[in-house]
Amino acid sequence: IRLYDNETLEELQGRWLTLVQEFYDKETDTFNTTKIPDIYDNIKYDSLHNREFLQGLRKIYIAAKNVANFVIPQEYGVFRKQKLLIGRSIVQPLLEHIFGNLMKGADDAPSHRVSLYFSSESHLHSLRNTILLSDIPHNQTVATTLEAMEINYMAHCVFRLFEDPTRDTNDPLRFYVDVQFAPGAALDPFIFMGQDHLLPVSRPIPVNGRVPLAKFKDFIHGKT
């Protein structure tokens, strides 16, 4: 039997045996919680691509997801203050770079209007925490929902700079920033998987209304 991407049953079994051995130590009767993200990634992979060969996968997926949703966010701080401090320490250089490019977009003749950054899951967790735990979110219900969401493949954050030419040049909202966040392909594979064995990527959710550019600058420099 050949599984997805020509993986064999022996290779699948070996993949899971290695994970189990690394996760649970029989001699000390202890668990290595750092392996929980790997376990969840593997169970989600098999739920998408190999479910017809494996029984009871739905129950295992739900259990792994619930544990991962609790454990993974704690890697970036347990309390809100910790999450903000850890987040800042990780993404501060990235935030400053993003702000610099936003300001270039406000030039009369900008060299470019779009900048793309490709980063790691740790940066996305930290970026989300830094945004949501500042005073940037306008809708706290949305902020709380986003904070609880799983971050998965193709998760992304969007910063957009706008100019309102109808406002006076000294008006704080002449230039304002819109922030949106998307958790990526985080939907349940047993419900939302397409015929191509792929999950749709969730659309970005607005985190705020209009953040005046001056206030956003304070956020970038850790003053909010």
N, C-alpha and C. Protein backbone atom coordinates (compact mmCIF):
# COMPACT_ATOMS: atom_id res chain seq x y z
N ILE A 1 0.84 -1.19 0.00
CA ILE A 1 0.00 0.00 0.00
C ILE A 1 0.88 1.24 0.00
N ARG A 2 0.56 2.15 -0.87
CA ARG A 2 1.27 3.43 -0.93
C ARG A 2 0.36 4.53 -0.40
N LEU A 3 0.85 5.28 0.55
CA LEU A 3 0.11 6.37 1.13
C LEU A 3 0.40 7.65 0.36
N TYR A 4 -0.02 8.76 0.92
CA TYR A 4 0.18 10.05 0.25
C TYR A 4 1.67 10.31 0.04
N ASP A 5 1.99 10.87 -1.13
CA ASP A 5 3.38 11.20 -1.50
C ASP A 5 4.28 9.97 -1.47
N ASN A 6 3.69 8.81 -1.80
CA ASN A 6 4.42 7.54 -1.90
C ASN A 6 5.03 7.06 -0.58
N GLU A 7 4.51 7.56 0.55
CA GLU A 7 4.96 7.04 1.84
C GLU A 7 4.43 5.62 2.01
N THR A 8 5.24 4.74 2.57
CA THR A 8 4.81 3.36 2.83
C THR A 8 4.24 3.25 4.24
N LEU A 9 3.52 2.14 4.49
CA LEU A 9 2.99 1.90 5.83
C LEU A 9 4.12 1.77 6.85
N GLU A 10 5.23 1.16 6.42
CA GLU A 10 6.38 1.03 7.32
C GLU A 10 6.95 2.40 7.68
N GLU A 11 6.99 3.30 6.71
CA GLU A 11 7.50 4.65 6.98
C GLU A 11 6.55 5.42 7.90
N LEU A 12 5.25 5.25 7.68
CA LEU A 12 4.27 5.90 8.55
C LEU A 12 4.41 5.37 9.98
N GLN A 13 4.52 4.06 10.11
CA GLN A 13 4.67 3.48 11.44
C GLN A 13 5.96 3.97 12.11
N GLY A 14 7.03 4.02 11.34
CA GLY A 14 8.30 4.50 11.88
C GLY A 14 8.21 5.95 12.32
N ARG A 15 7.50 6.76 11.55
CA ARG A 15 7.32 8.18 11.88
C ARG A 15 6.63 8.33 13.23
N TRP A 16 5.58 7.53 13.44
CA TRP A 16 4.82 7.64 14.68
C TRP A 16 5.54 6.98 15.86
N LEU A 17 6.23 5.88 15.63
CA LEU A 17 7.00 5.26 16.72
C LEU A 17 8.08 6.19 17.24
N THR A 18 8.73 6.90 16.33
CA THR A 18 9.75 7.86 16.74
C THR A 18 9.15 8.98 17.59
N LEU A 19 7.98 9.48 17.16
CA LEU A 19 7.31 10.54 17.92
C LEU A 19 6.91 10.05 19.32
N VAL A 20 6.36 8.84 19.39
CA VAL A 20 5.92 8.30 20.69
C VAL A 20 7.12 8.11 21.61
N GLN A 21 8.22 7.60 21.08
CA GLN A 21 9.42 7.39 21.90
C GLN A 21 10.00 8.71 22.40
N GLU A 22 9.93 9.74 21.56
CA GLU A 22 10.45 11.04 21.97
C GLU A 22 9.50 11.76 22.93
N PHE A 23 8.20 11.42 22.85
CA PHE A 23 7.19 12.08 23.68
C PHE A 23 7.10 11.49 25.09
N TYR A 24 7.19 10.17 25.17
CA TYR A 24 7.01 9.51 26.47
C TYR A 24 8.22 8.66 26.84
N ASP A 25 8.75 8.92 28.04
CA ASP A 25 9.90 8.17 28.57
C ASP A 25 9.38 7.14 29.57
N LYS A 26 9.46 5.86 29.21
CA LYS A 26 8.94 4.81 30.07
C LYS A 26 9.72 4.72 31.38
N GLU A 27 11.02 4.92 31.33
CA GLU A 27 11.85 4.76 32.52
C GLU A 27 11.49 5.79 33.60
N THR A 28 11.26 7.01 33.18
CA THR A 28 10.96 8.07 34.15
C THR A 28 9.46 8.36 34.26
N ASP A 29 8.66 7.72 33.39
CA ASP A 29 7.21 7.93 33.35
C ASP A 29 6.88 9.42 33.21
N THR A 30 7.59 10.07 32.27
CA THR A 30 7.38 11.50 32.04
C THR A 30 7.12 11.77 30.56
N PHE A 31 6.49 12.92 30.30
CA PHE A 31 6.17 13.32 28.93
C PHE A 31 7.00 14.53 28.54
N ASN A 32 7.44 14.55 27.30
CA ASN A 32 8.17 15.68 26.74
C ASN A 32 7.19 16.56 25.98
N THR A 33 6.70 17.60 26.65
CA THR A 33 5.64 18.41 26.05
C THR A 33 6.11 19.21 24.84
N THR A 34 7.42 19.33 24.65
CA THR A 34 7.91 20.06 23.47
C THR A 34 7.59 19.30 22.18
N LYS A 35 7.21 18.03 22.30
CA LYS A 35 6.87 17.23 21.12
C LYS A 35 5.39 17.34 20.73
N ILE A 36 4.60 18.02 21.55
CA ILE A 36 3.17 18.14 21.25
C ILE A 36 2.92 18.83 19.91
N PRO A 37 3.63 19.93 19.57
CA PRO A 37 3.41 20.52 18.24
C PRO A 37 3.70 19.55 17.11
N ASP A 38 4.75 18.71 17.26
CA ASP A 38 5.08 17.73 16.22
C ASP A 38 3.99 16.67 16.10
N ILE A 39 3.46 16.25 17.25
CA ILE A 39 2.39 15.25 17.24
C ILE A 39 1.17 15.82 16.54
N TYR A 40 0.82 17.06 16.87
CA TYR A 40 -0.35 17.67 16.25
C TYR A 40 -0.15 17.86 14.74
N ASP A 41 1.03 18.29 14.33
CA ASP A 41 1.32 18.46 12.90
C ASP A 41 1.16 17.13 12.16
N ASN A 42 1.64 16.06 12.78
CA ASN A 42 1.57 14.75 12.13
C ASN A 42 0.14 14.23 12.06
N ILE A 43 -0.63 14.43 13.13
CA ILE A 43 -2.01 13.94 13.10
C ILE A 43 -2.84 14.75 12.12
N LYS A 44 -2.55 16.04 11.99
CA LYS A 44 -3.28 16.84 11.02
C LYS A 44 -2.89 16.44 9.60
N TYR A 45 -1.62 16.15 9.40
CA TYR A 45 -1.15 15.69 8.08
C TYR A 45 -1.87 14.39 7.69
N ASP A 46 -1.90 13.43 8.62
CA ASP A 46 -2.56 12.15 8.31
C ASP A 46 -4.07 12.32 8.17
N SER A 47 -4.66 13.27 8.89
CA SER A 47 -6.09 13.53 8.74
C SER A 47 -6.42 14.08 7.36
N LEU A 48 -5.48 14.82 6.79
CA LEU A 48 -5.69 15.38 5.45
C LEU A 48 -5.40 14.37 4.35
N HIS A 49 -4.38 13.54 4.54
CA HIS A 49 -3.88 12.74 3.42
C HIS A 49 -4.02 11.22 3.57
N ASN A 50 -4.15 10.72 4.79
CA ASN A 50 -4.12 9.27 4.97
C ASN A 50 -5.28 8.73 5.78
N ARG A 51 -6.36 9.49 5.89
CA ARG A 51 -7.43 9.08 6.81
C ARG A 51 -8.11 7.77 6.40
N GLU A 52 -8.11 7.48 5.09
CA GLU A 52 -8.79 6.26 4.64
C GLU A 52 -8.05 4.99 5.07
N PHE A 53 -6.79 5.14 5.49
CA PHE A 53 -6.01 3.98 5.91
C PHE A 53 -5.93 3.83 7.44
N LEU A 54 -6.44 4.83 8.15
CA LEU A 54 -6.28 4.84 9.61
C LEU A 54 -7.64 4.96 10.28
N GLN A 55 -7.90 4.11 11.28
CA GLN A 55 -9.16 4.14 11.99
C GLN A 55 -9.05 4.96 13.27
N GLY A 56 -10.18 5.54 13.68
CA GLY A 56 -10.20 6.30 14.92
C GLY A 56 -9.45 7.61 14.87
N LEU A 57 -9.18 8.08 13.65
CA LEU A 57 -8.34 9.28 13.50
C LEU A 57 -9.03 10.54 14.02
N ARG A 58 -10.33 10.60 13.86
CA ARG A 58 -11.07 11.79 14.27
C ARG A 58 -10.92 12.06 15.78
N LYS A 59 -11.04 11.01 16.59
CA LYS A 59 -10.90 11.17 18.04
C LYS A 59 -9.49 11.62 18.41
N ILE A 60 -8.50 11.02 17.77
CA ILE A 60 -7.11 11.37 18.06
C ILE A 60 -6.83 12.81 17.65
N TYR A 61 -7.39 13.20 16.49
CA TYR A 61 -7.19 14.58 16.02
C TYR A 61 -7.76 15.58 17.02
N ILE A 62 -8.97 15.35 17.50
CA ILE A 62 -9.60 16.28 18.45
C ILE A 62 -8.79 16.36 19.74
N ALA A 63 -8.35 15.21 20.24
CA ALA A 63 -7.55 15.20 21.47
C ALA A 63 -6.24 15.95 21.28
N ALA A 64 -5.55 15.69 20.16
CA ALA A 64 -4.27 16.35 19.90
C ALA A 64 -4.45 17.84 19.72
N LYS A 65 -5.52 18.25 19.05
CA LYS A 65 -5.78 19.68 18.84
C LYS A 65 -6.05 20.39 20.15
N ASN A 66 -6.84 19.78 21.02
CA ASN A 66 -7.15 20.41 22.31
C ASN A 66 -5.90 20.59 23.16
N VAL A 67 -5.06 19.57 23.17
CA VAL A 67 -3.82 19.67 23.95
C VAL A 67 -2.88 20.71 23.33
N ALA A 68 -2.75 20.68 22.00
CA ALA A 68 -1.86 21.63 21.32
C ALA A 68 -2.32 23.07 21.50
N ASN A 69 -3.63 23.27 21.44
CA ASN A 69 -4.16 24.64 21.61
C ASN A 69 -3.89 25.19 23.00
N PHE A 70 -3.72 24.30 23.97
CA PHE A 70 -3.39 24.75 25.33
C PHE A 70 -1.89 24.93 25.50
N VAL A 71 -1.11 23.99 25.00
CA VAL A 71 0.34 23.97 25.26
C VAL A 71 1.10 24.97 24.41
N ILE A 72 0.84 25.01 23.10
CA ILE A 72 1.67 25.80 22.19
C ILE A 72 1.68 27.29 22.54
N PRO A 73 0.52 27.93 22.81
CA PRO A 73 0.57 29.36 23.15
C PRO A 73 1.36 29.65 24.42
N GLN A 74 1.45 28.67 25.35
CA GLN A 74 2.18 28.90 26.60
C GLN A 74 3.70 28.97 26.37
N GLU A 75 4.15 28.52 25.21
CA GLU A 75 5.57 28.62 24.90
C GLU A 75 6.01 30.07 24.75
N TYR A 76 5.03 30.96 24.58
CA TYR A 76 5.33 32.38 24.38
C TYR A 76 4.83 33.22 25.55
N GLY A 77 4.75 32.58 26.73
CA GLY A 77 4.32 33.26 27.94
C GLY A 77 3.01 32.70 28.46
N VAL A 78 2.91 32.64 29.79
CA VAL A 78 1.69 32.12 30.41
C VAL A 78 0.71 33.26 30.71
N PHE A 79 1.24 34.33 31.30
CA PHE A 79 0.41 35.48 31.64
C PHE A 79 0.51 36.53 30.55
N ARG A 80 -0.47 37.41 30.49
CA ARG A 80 -0.53 38.41 29.42
C ARG A 80 0.72 39.30 29.40
N LYS A 81 1.19 39.70 30.57
CA LYS A 81 2.38 40.54 30.61
C LYS A 81 3.59 39.80 30.06
N GLN A 82 3.70 38.50 30.40
CA GLN A 82 4.79 37.69 29.87
C GLN A 82 4.70 37.58 28.35
N LYS A 83 3.49 37.35 27.86
CA LYS A 83 3.30 37.21 26.41
C LYS A 83 3.74 38.48 25.68
N LEU A 84 3.41 39.63 26.25
CA LEU A 84 3.77 40.89 25.61
C LEU A 84 5.28 41.10 25.64
N LEU A 85 5.92 40.82 26.77
CA LEU A 85 7.37 41.01 26.89
C LEU A 85 8.13 40.06 25.96
N ILE A 86 7.70 38.80 25.94
CA ILE A 86 8.36 37.81 25.08
C ILE A 86 8.12 38.16 23.62
N GLY A 87 6.88 38.54 23.30
CA GLY A 87 6.56 38.91 21.93
C GLY A 87 7.40 40.08 21.45
N ARG A 88 7.51 41.10 22.28
CA ARG A 88 8.31 42.28 21.93
C ARG A 88 9.77 41.90 21.68
N SER A 89 10.31 41.05 22.53
CA SER A 89 11.73 40.69 22.41
C SER A 89 12.02 39.94 21.11
N ILE A 90 11.00 39.26 20.58
CA ILE A 90 11.20 38.48 19.36
C ILE A 90 10.97 39.31 18.10
N VAL A 91 9.91 40.12 18.10
CA VAL A 91 9.50 40.77 16.83
C VAL A 91 9.83 42.26 16.75
N GLN A 92 10.48 42.84 17.75
CA GLN A 92 10.74 44.27 17.70
C GLN A 92 11.50 44.69 16.43
N PRO A 93 12.58 44.00 16.06
CA PRO A 93 13.28 44.40 14.81
C PRO A 93 12.36 44.31 13.59
N LEU A 94 11.51 43.28 13.54
CA LEU A 94 10.59 43.13 12.41
C LEU A 94 9.58 44.26 12.39
N LEU A 95 9.03 44.64 13.55
CA LEU A 95 8.06 45.72 13.62
C LEU A 95 8.68 47.03 13.12
N GLU A 96 9.90 47.30 13.52
CA GLU A 96 10.56 48.53 13.09
C GLU A 96 10.79 48.54 11.58
N HIS A 97 11.11 47.38 11.05
CA HIS A 97 11.31 47.28 9.59
C HIS A 97 9.99 47.49 8.85
N ILE A 98 8.92 46.90 9.38
CA ILE A 98 7.60 47.08 8.77
C ILE A 98 7.21 48.55 8.79
N PHE A 99 7.43 49.21 9.93
CA PHE A 99 7.06 50.62 10.04
C PHE A 99 7.88 51.47 9.07
N GLY A 100 9.15 51.15 8.91
CA GLY A 100 9.99 51.89 7.97
C GLY A 100 9.47 51.80 6.56
N ASN A 101 9.01 50.62 6.16
CA ASN A 101 8.47 50.45 4.81
C ASN A 101 7.12 51.13 4.66
N LEU A 102 6.32 51.15 5.74
CA LEU A 102 5.05 51.88 5.68
C LEU A 102 5.30 53.36 5.45
N MET A 103 6.29 53.90 6.12
CA MET A 103 6.60 55.31 5.98
C MET A 103 7.10 55.63 4.56
N LYS A 104 7.84 54.71 3.97
CA LYS A 104 8.29 54.90 2.59
C LYS A 104 7.08 54.96 1.65
N GLY A 105 6.04 54.19 1.99
CA GLY A 105 4.83 54.21 1.16
C GLY A 105 4.09 55.52 1.22
N ALA A 106 4.38 56.34 2.25
CA ALA A 106 3.72 57.64 2.37
C ALA A 106 4.44 58.73 1.59
N ASP A 107 5.58 58.40 0.99
CA ASP A 107 6.31 59.39 0.18
C ASP A 107 5.48 59.78 -1.04
N ASP A 108 5.78 60.94 -1.58
CA ASP A 108 5.07 61.41 -2.78
C ASP A 108 5.30 60.47 -3.97
N ALA A 109 6.52 59.94 -4.06
CA ALA A 109 6.83 59.01 -5.15
C ALA A 109 7.53 57.78 -4.55
N PRO A 110 6.75 56.89 -3.91
CA PRO A 110 7.35 55.73 -3.24
C PRO A 110 7.97 54.76 -4.23
N SER A 111 9.08 54.15 -3.80
CA SER A 111 9.74 53.17 -4.67
C SER A 111 8.93 51.87 -4.76
N HIS A 112 8.15 51.60 -3.74
CA HIS A 112 7.29 50.42 -3.77
C HIS A 112 6.13 50.65 -2.80
N ARG A 113 5.06 49.92 -3.00
CA ARG A 113 3.88 50.07 -2.15
C ARG A 113 3.52 48.79 -1.41
N VAL A 114 4.18 47.70 -1.73
CA VAL A 114 3.89 46.43 -1.07
C VAL A 114 5.20 45.79 -0.63
N SER A 115 5.24 45.34 0.62
CA SER A 115 6.39 44.59 1.14
C SER A 115 5.89 43.27 1.72
N LEU A 116 6.57 42.19 1.38
CA LEU A 116 6.19 40.86 1.87
C LEU A 116 7.30 40.33 2.77
N TYR A 117 6.90 39.76 3.89
CA TYR A 117 7.85 39.16 4.82
C TYR A 117 7.43 37.71 5.05
N PHE A 118 8.39 36.81 4.97
CA PHE A 118 8.13 35.40 5.22
C PHE A 118 8.90 35.01 6.48
N SER A 119 8.18 34.53 7.48
CA SER A 119 8.82 34.30 8.77
C SER A 119 8.38 32.98 9.36
N SER A 120 8.72 32.78 10.64
CA SER A 120 8.46 31.51 11.32
C SER A 120 7.19 31.58 12.17
N GLU A 121 6.75 30.41 12.64
CA GLU A 121 5.58 30.36 13.50
C GLU A 121 5.82 31.13 14.79
N SER A 122 7.06 31.07 15.31
CA SER A 122 7.36 31.79 16.55
C SER A 122 7.18 33.29 16.37
N HIS A 123 7.56 33.81 15.20
CA HIS A 123 7.37 35.24 14.94
C HIS A 123 5.89 35.59 14.83
N LEU A 124 5.10 34.70 14.25
CA LEU A 124 3.67 34.98 14.10
C LEU A 124 2.95 34.96 15.45
N HIS A 125 3.29 33.99 16.30
CA HIS A 125 2.73 33.98 17.65
C HIS A 125 3.09 35.27 18.38
N SER A 126 4.35 35.64 18.28
CA SER A 126 4.83 36.83 18.99
C SER A 126 4.22 38.10 18.43
N LEU A 127 4.08 38.16 17.10
CA LEU A 127 3.48 39.33 16.47
C LEU A 127 2.02 39.46 16.88
N ARG A 128 1.30 38.34 16.88
CA ARG A 128 -0.10 38.37 17.30
C ARG A 128 -0.23 38.84 18.75
N ASN A 129 0.59 38.28 19.64
CA ASN A 129 0.51 38.67 21.04
C ASN A 129 0.84 40.15 21.23
N THR A 130 1.86 40.62 20.53
CA THR A 130 2.28 42.02 20.67
C THR A 130 1.17 42.96 20.22
N ILE A 131 0.50 42.61 19.14
CA ILE A 131 -0.59 43.45 18.63
C ILE A 131 -1.80 43.40 19.56
N LEU A 132 -2.21 42.18 19.93
CA LEU A 132 -3.46 42.03 20.67
C LEU A 132 -3.35 42.51 22.11
N LEU A 133 -2.17 42.48 22.68
CA LEU A 133 -2.01 42.87 24.09
C LEU A 133 -1.59 44.32 24.24
N SER A 134 -1.54 45.04 23.13
CA SER A 134 -1.33 46.49 23.19
C SER A 134 -2.71 47.15 23.18
N ASP A 135 -2.74 48.45 23.01
CA ASP A 135 -4.06 49.10 22.93
C ASP A 135 -4.46 49.34 21.48
N ILE A 136 -3.82 48.59 20.55
CA ILE A 136 -4.15 48.71 19.14
C ILE A 136 -5.53 48.14 18.82
N PRO A 137 -5.92 46.95 19.37
CA PRO A 137 -7.23 46.40 19.01
C PRO A 137 -8.37 47.34 19.38
N HIS A 138 -9.26 47.56 18.42
CA HIS A 138 -10.42 48.42 18.65
C HIS A 138 -11.58 47.60 19.20
N ASN A 139 -11.69 46.37 18.74
CA ASN A 139 -12.77 45.48 19.15
C ASN A 139 -12.18 44.38 20.03
N GLN A 140 -12.39 44.44 21.34
CA GLN A 140 -11.79 43.48 22.25
C GLN A 140 -12.38 42.08 22.07
N THR A 141 -13.61 41.98 21.58
CA THR A 141 -14.19 40.67 21.30
C THR A 141 -13.42 39.97 20.19
N VAL A 142 -13.12 40.74 19.13
CA VAL A 142 -12.31 40.20 18.04
C VAL A 142 -10.92 39.84 18.53
N ALA A 143 -10.34 40.71 19.36
CA ALA A 143 -9.00 40.45 19.88
C ALA A 143 -8.97 39.16 20.70
N THR A 144 -9.97 38.96 21.54
CA THR A 144 -10.04 37.74 22.35
C THR A 144 -10.20 36.51 21.47
N THR A 145 -11.01 36.61 20.41
CA THR A 145 -11.20 35.50 19.48
C THR A 145 -9.90 35.16 18.76
N LEU A 146 -9.20 36.19 18.30
CA LEU A 146 -7.93 35.97 17.60
C LEU A 146 -6.88 35.36 18.52
N GLU A 147 -6.89 35.79 19.78
CA GLU A 147 -5.90 35.28 20.72
C GLU A 147 -6.08 33.79 20.95
N ALA A 148 -7.32 33.31 20.84
CA ALA A 148 -7.61 31.90 21.08
C ALA A 148 -7.44 31.04 19.84
N MET A 149 -7.28 31.65 18.68
CA MET A 149 -7.21 30.90 17.43
C MET A 149 -5.86 30.19 17.25
N GLU A 150 -5.94 29.02 16.67
CA GLU A 150 -4.73 28.28 16.30
C GLU A 150 -4.01 29.00 15.16
N ILE A 151 -2.69 29.03 15.22
CA ILE A 151 -1.90 29.56 14.12
C ILE A 151 -1.38 28.39 13.30
N ASN A 152 -1.66 28.40 12.01
CA ASN A 152 -1.29 27.27 11.17
C ASN A 152 -0.59 27.75 9.91
N TYR A 153 -0.36 26.83 8.99
CA TYR A 153 0.30 27.17 7.74
C TYR A 153 -0.45 28.31 7.03
N MET A 154 0.31 29.21 6.45
CA MET A 154 -0.20 30.38 5.72
C MET A 154 -0.87 31.41 6.62
N ALA A 155 -0.62 31.34 7.94
CA ALA A 155 -1.07 32.42 8.82
C ALA A 155 -0.35 33.70 8.41
N HIS A 156 -1.04 34.84 8.50
CA HIS A 156 -0.40 36.08 8.07
C HIS A 156 -1.03 37.29 8.74
N CYS A 157 -0.25 38.34 8.77
CA CYS A 157 -0.69 39.62 9.32
C CYS A 157 -0.53 40.68 8.24
N VAL A 158 -1.49 41.58 8.15
CA VAL A 158 -1.49 42.60 7.11
C VAL A 158 -1.53 43.98 7.76
N PHE A 159 -0.56 44.82 7.41
CA PHE A 159 -0.55 46.22 7.85
C PHE A 159 -0.76 47.08 6.61
N ARG A 160 -1.77 47.94 6.64
CA ARG A 160 -2.05 48.80 5.49
C ARG A 160 -2.08 50.27 5.94
N LEU A 161 -1.38 51.08 5.19
CA LEU A 161 -1.34 52.52 5.47
C LEU A 161 -2.25 53.24 4.48
N PHE A 162 -3.13 54.09 5.00
CA PHE A 162 -4.07 54.85 4.17
C PHE A 162 -3.87 56.35 4.39
N GLU A 163 -4.19 57.10 3.35
CA GLU A 163 -4.24 58.56 3.47
C GLU A 163 -5.65 59.02 3.12
N ASP A 164 -6.21 59.87 3.98
CA ASP A 164 -7.53 60.44 3.74
C ASP A 164 -7.34 61.89 3.30
N PRO A 165 -7.35 62.15 1.99
CA PRO A 165 -7.07 63.51 1.48
C PRO A 165 -8.15 64.53 1.84
N THR A 166 -9.30 64.05 2.35
CA THR A 166 -10.36 64.99 2.73
C THR A 166 -10.07 65.63 4.09
N ARG A 167 -9.10 65.12 4.82
CA ARG A 167 -8.79 65.64 6.14
C ARG A 167 -7.62 66.64 6.07
N ASP A 168 -7.60 67.53 7.03
CA ASP A 168 -6.54 68.52 7.11
C ASP A 168 -5.19 67.82 7.33
N THR A 169 -4.11 68.45 6.87
CA THR A 169 -2.79 67.83 6.99
C THR A 169 -2.37 67.61 8.45
N ASN A 170 -2.95 68.39 9.37
CA ASN A 170 -2.63 68.25 10.79
C ASN A 170 -3.58 67.30 11.52
N ASP A 171 -4.56 66.79 10.83
CA ASP A 171 -5.52 65.87 11.42
C ASP A 171 -4.82 64.53 11.71
N PRO A 172 -4.94 63.99 12.94
CA PRO A 172 -4.28 62.72 13.27
C PRO A 172 -4.68 61.57 12.35
N LEU A 173 -5.88 61.66 11.77
CA LEU A 173 -6.35 60.59 10.89
C LEU A 173 -6.13 60.88 9.41
N ARG A 174 -5.30 61.88 9.13
CA ARG A 174 -4.93 62.11 7.72
C ARG A 174 -4.24 60.84 7.19
N PHE A 175 -3.32 60.31 8.00
CA PHE A 175 -2.71 59.00 7.72
C PHE A 175 -3.09 58.05 8.84
N TYR A 176 -3.56 56.88 8.48
CA TYR A 176 -3.93 55.90 9.51
C TYR A 176 -3.56 54.50 9.04
N VAL A 177 -3.45 53.59 10.01
CA VAL A 177 -3.02 52.22 9.74
C VAL A 177 -4.14 51.25 10.08
N ASP A 178 -4.34 50.29 9.20
CA ASP A 178 -5.32 49.23 9.39
C ASP A 178 -4.55 47.92 9.58
N VAL A 179 -4.91 47.18 10.64
CA VAL A 179 -4.21 45.93 10.96
C VAL A 179 -5.19 44.76 10.87
N GLN A 180 -4.79 43.71 10.16
CA GLN A 180 -5.62 42.51 10.03
C GLN A 180 -4.77 41.27 10.30
N PHE A 181 -5.42 40.22 10.78
CA PHE A 181 -4.69 38.98 11.09
C PHE A 181 -5.51 37.78 10.64
N ALA A 182 -4.81 36.79 10.06
CA ALA A 182 -5.46 35.56 9.61
C ALA A 182 -4.73 34.36 10.20
N PRO A 183 -5.45 33.38 10.77
CA PRO A 183 -4.81 32.22 11.39
C PRO A 183 -4.30 31.18 10.40
N GLY A 184 -4.57 31.38 9.11
CA GLY A 184 -4.08 30.44 8.10
C GLY A 184 -5.03 29.28 7.85
N ALA A 185 -4.46 28.12 7.50
CA ALA A 185 -5.26 26.92 7.20
C ALA A 185 -5.55 26.17 8.49
N ALA A 186 -6.35 26.79 9.36
CA ALA A 186 -6.57 26.27 10.70
C ALA A 186 -7.91 25.58 10.88
N LEU A 187 -8.65 25.37 9.80
CA LEU A 187 -9.97 24.76 9.91
C LEU A 187 -9.89 23.24 10.08
N ASP A 188 -10.98 22.66 10.53
CA ASP A 188 -11.05 21.22 10.79
C ASP A 188 -10.96 20.45 9.47
N PRO A 189 -9.94 19.59 9.30
CA PRO A 189 -9.79 18.86 8.03
C PRO A 189 -10.92 17.87 7.78
N PHE A 190 -11.62 17.44 8.83
CA PHE A 190 -12.71 16.48 8.64
C PHE A 190 -13.98 17.16 8.15
N ILE A 191 -13.99 18.48 8.18
CA ILE A 191 -15.16 19.24 7.73
C ILE A 191 -14.86 20.05 6.47
N PHE A 192 -13.67 20.65 6.42
CA PHE A 192 -13.39 21.64 5.37
C PHE A 192 -12.39 21.19 4.31
N MET A 193 -11.88 19.96 4.38
CA MET A 193 -10.90 19.52 3.39
C MET A 193 -11.52 19.45 2.00
N GLY A 194 -10.82 19.97 1.00
CA GLY A 194 -11.27 19.91 -0.37
C GLY A 194 -10.87 18.61 -1.04
N GLN A 195 -11.28 18.44 -2.29
CA GLN A 195 -10.96 17.22 -3.03
C GLN A 195 -9.46 17.10 -3.29
N ASP A 196 -8.75 18.22 -3.22
CA ASP A 196 -7.31 18.20 -3.43
C ASP A 196 -6.54 17.95 -2.14
N HIS A 197 -7.24 17.55 -1.09
CA HIS A 197 -6.63 17.27 0.22
C HIS A 197 -6.02 18.53 0.84
N LEU A 198 -6.55 19.68 0.51
CA LEU A 198 -6.05 20.95 1.05
C LEU A 198 -7.14 21.64 1.86
N LEU A 199 -6.71 22.50 2.78
CA LEU A 199 -7.63 23.29 3.57
C LEU A 199 -7.62 24.73 3.06
N PRO A 200 -8.76 25.39 3.07
CA PRO A 200 -8.77 26.81 2.67
C PRO A 200 -8.05 27.66 3.73
N VAL A 201 -7.45 28.75 3.26
CA VAL A 201 -6.78 29.68 4.16
C VAL A 201 -7.79 30.74 4.59
N SER A 202 -7.95 30.91 5.88
CA SER A 202 -8.93 31.87 6.40
C SER A 202 -8.55 33.29 5.99
N ARG A 203 -9.57 34.10 5.73
CA ARG A 203 -9.34 35.50 5.37
C ARG A 203 -8.91 36.30 6.59
N PRO A 204 -8.16 37.37 6.38
CA PRO A 204 -7.74 38.21 7.51
C PRO A 204 -8.93 38.84 8.23
N ILE A 205 -8.82 38.92 9.54
CA ILE A 205 -9.86 39.52 10.38
C ILE A 205 -9.36 40.89 10.83
N PRO A 206 -10.16 41.95 10.66
CA PRO A 206 -9.73 43.28 11.11
C PRO A 206 -9.53 43.30 12.63
N VAL A 207 -8.38 43.81 13.06
CA VAL A 207 -8.07 43.90 14.48
C VAL A 207 -8.48 45.26 15.05
N ASN A 208 -8.55 46.24 14.18
CA ASN A 208 -8.81 47.60 14.64
C ASN A 208 -9.64 48.36 13.61
N GLY A 209 -10.01 49.58 13.98
CA GLY A 209 -10.62 50.48 13.02
C GLY A 209 -9.52 51.25 12.32
N ARG A 210 -9.45 52.53 12.63
CA ARG A 210 -8.38 53.36 12.06
C ARG A 210 -7.43 53.77 13.18
N VAL A 211 -6.19 53.32 13.09
CA VAL A 211 -5.18 53.72 14.07
C VAL A 211 -4.40 54.89 13.50
N PRO A 212 -4.46 56.06 14.13
CA PRO A 212 -3.67 57.20 13.63
C PRO A 212 -2.20 56.82 13.52
N LEU A 213 -1.56 57.32 12.49
CA LEU A 213 -0.16 56.95 12.25
C LEU A 213 0.72 57.25 13.45
N ALA A 214 0.47 58.38 14.12
CA ALA A 214 1.28 58.75 15.29
C ALA A 214 1.11 57.72 16.41
N LYS A 215 -0.11 57.25 16.62
CA LYS A 215 -0.36 56.24 17.65
C LYS A 215 0.30 54.91 17.26
N PHE A 216 0.23 54.58 15.97
CA PHE A 216 0.86 53.34 15.51
C PHE A 216 2.38 53.42 15.70
N LYS A 217 2.93 54.61 15.49
CA LYS A 217 4.37 54.79 15.71
C LYS A 217 4.72 54.54 17.17
N ASP A 218 3.89 55.05 18.09
CA ASP A 218 4.11 54.80 19.52
C ASP A 218 4.06 53.31 19.83
N PHE A 219 3.11 52.62 19.18
CA PHE A 219 3.02 51.16 19.37
C PHE A 219 4.30 50.47 18.91
N ILE A 220 4.81 50.88 17.76
CA ILE A 220 6.04 50.27 17.23
C ILE A 220 7.19 50.42 18.20
N HIS A 221 7.27 51.56 18.84
CA HIS A 221 8.37 51.83 19.76
C HIS A 221 8.05 51.46 21.20
N GLY A 222 6.97 50.70 21.40
CA GLY A 222 6.66 50.18 22.71
C GLY A 222 6.11 51.17 23.70
N LYS A 223 5.49 52.24 23.21
CA LYS A 223 4.97 53.28 24.11
C LYS A 223 3.48 53.09 24.42
N THR A 224 2.86 52.06 23.83
CA THR A 224 1.44 51.79 24.12
C THR A 224 1.28 50.39 24.66
